[in-house]
Amino acid sequence: MTDPLLQQVREDLVGDRADGVVTRGAIELHPKFASMTAGAAVVLDCLFSRSELVYVKSGKPVPPVTPPEKDGVKATLVRIGPRWKVSQQTVTEGRCAPGY
């Protein structure tokens, strides 16, 4: 990932750790390319998430609890040297990404 997205993910993880929260459960990915150039790509996914946030000490779910669902993801990747990194990401909870 690139900043500012990378920084936001780091802050979220630090906050979860401070709150004693972890993610448990599986996520099934089904990515496909929407477009690609020499320096950028757009990837769409209609992932199936069985994950939930839980408190480490009690094992109880963090509200609000959502049932397993399909979530849409649209990620823009940029090429930085030999690597591809996510520069932007949009998640649509409860439905697939538009255009998927």
Protein backbone atom coordinates (compact mmCIF):
# COMPACT_ATOMS: atom_id res chain seq x y z
CA MET A 1 0.00 0.00 0.00
CA THR A 2 0.95 3.62 -0.37
CA ASP A 3 0.18 6.58 1.87
CA PRO A 4 -2.28 7.85 2.92
CA LEU A 5 -4.04 4.45 2.67
CA LEU A 6 -1.13 2.63 4.33
CA GLN A 7 -1.09 5.09 7.23
CA GLN A 8 -4.85 4.67 7.76
CA VAL A 9 -4.56 0.88 7.87
CA ARG A 10 -1.69 1.13 10.35
CA GLU A 11 -3.72 3.49 12.56
CA ASP A 12 -6.70 1.11 12.46
CA LEU A 13 -4.51 -1.84 13.48
CA VAL A 14 -2.87 0.11 16.31
CA GLY A 15 -6.32 1.20 17.53
CA ASP A 16 -7.66 -2.36 17.43
CA ARG A 17 -4.64 -3.60 19.37
CA ALA A 18 -5.08 -0.89 22.00
CA ASP A 19 -8.76 -1.84 22.32
CA GLY A 20 -7.92 -5.55 22.63
CA VAL A 21 -9.65 -6.41 19.36
CA VAL A 22 -8.65 -8.94 16.68
CA THR A 23 -10.22 -10.14 13.44
CA ARG A 24 -11.25 -13.79 13.24
CA GLY A 25 -12.73 -15.75 10.38
CA ALA A 26 -12.11 -16.37 6.70
CA ILE A 27 -12.32 -14.16 3.66
CA GLU A 28 -12.65 -15.67 0.17
CA LEU A 29 -11.16 -13.50 -2.57
CA HIS A 30 -12.23 -13.50 -6.23
CA PRO A 31 -10.22 -10.65 -7.84
CA LYS A 32 -10.33 -9.74 -11.51
CA PHE A 33 -8.64 -7.01 -13.55
CA ALA A 34 -10.91 -4.19 -14.67
CA SER A 35 -8.16 -2.25 -16.46
CA MET A 36 -4.39 -2.08 -16.70
CA THR A 37 -1.68 0.18 -18.10
CA ALA A 38 2.09 0.08 -17.75
CA GLY A 39 1.96 1.97 -14.45
CA ALA A 40 -1.51 1.41 -12.99
CA ALA A 41 -4.21 -1.22 -12.64
CA VAL A 42 -7.74 -1.42 -11.30
CA VAL A 43 -8.83 -4.65 -9.64
CA LEU A 44 -12.41 -5.52 -8.67
CA ASP A 45 -13.45 -8.18 -6.21
CA CYS A 46 -16.63 -9.64 -4.84
CA LEU A 47 -15.17 -11.20 -1.72
CA PHE A 48 -17.11 -13.37 0.69
CA SER A 49 -16.39 -12.46 4.30
CA ARG A 50 -16.99 -14.68 7.30
CA SER A 51 -14.74 -12.47 9.43
CA GLU A 52 -15.69 -10.54 12.52
CA LEU A 53 -13.99 -8.37 15.10
CA VAL A 54 -13.79 -9.97 18.54
CA TYR A 55 -12.47 -8.93 21.94
CA VAL A 56 -9.35 -10.96 22.77
CA LYS A 57 -10.13 -11.34 26.49
CA SER A 58 -13.74 -12.50 26.18
CA GLY A 59 -13.87 -13.83 22.63
CA LYS A 60 -17.17 -11.96 22.22
CA PRO A 61 -17.92 -10.13 18.95
CA VAL A 62 -17.53 -6.37 18.74
CA PRO A 63 -20.89 -4.76 17.87
CA PRO A 64 -22.38 -4.30 15.39
CA VAL A 65 -22.23 -7.98 14.42
CA THR A 66 -22.81 -8.63 10.73
CA PRO A 67 -23.64 -12.01 9.20
CA PRO A 68 -21.35 -13.48 6.54
CA GLU A 69 -21.73 -11.36 3.42
CA LYS A 70 -20.37 -10.42 0.04
CA ASP A 71 -18.39 -7.18 -0.02
CA GLY A 72 -17.30 -5.28 -3.08
CA VAL A 73 -13.75 -4.02 -3.37
CA LYS A 74 -12.33 -1.69 -6.01
CA ALA A 75 -8.57 -1.25 -5.68
CA THR A 76 -6.30 0.98 -7.73
CA LEU A 77 -2.70 -0.23 -7.84
CA VAL A 78 0.35 1.71 -8.97
CA ARG A 79 3.67 0.31 -10.03
CA ILE A 80 6.55 1.47 -7.84
CA GLY A 81 9.78 -0.06 -9.09
CA PRO A 82 9.25 -3.81 -9.49
CA ARG A 83 6.26 -3.91 -7.12
CA TRP A 84 2.56 -3.17 -7.40
CA LYS A 85 1.04 -1.31 -4.43
CA VAL A 86 -2.54 -0.38 -3.59
CA SER A 87 -2.93 3.40 -3.72
CA GLN A 88 -6.72 3.64 -3.38
CA GLN A 89 -9.38 1.24 -2.18
CA THR A 90 -13.15 1.40 -1.92
CA VAL A 91 -15.12 -1.24 -0.01
CA THR A 92 -18.88 -1.60 -0.44
CA GLU A 93 -20.24 -3.74 2.38
CA GLY A 94 -23.06 -6.14 1.62
CA ARG A 95 -22.81 -6.08 -2.19
CA CYS A 96 -20.34 -6.68 -4.97
CA ALA A 97 -18.23 -3.94 -6.51
CA PRO A 98 -19.99 -2.09 -9.35
CA GLY A 99 -18.84 -3.57 -12.65
CA TYR A 100 -17.87 -6.92 -11.11
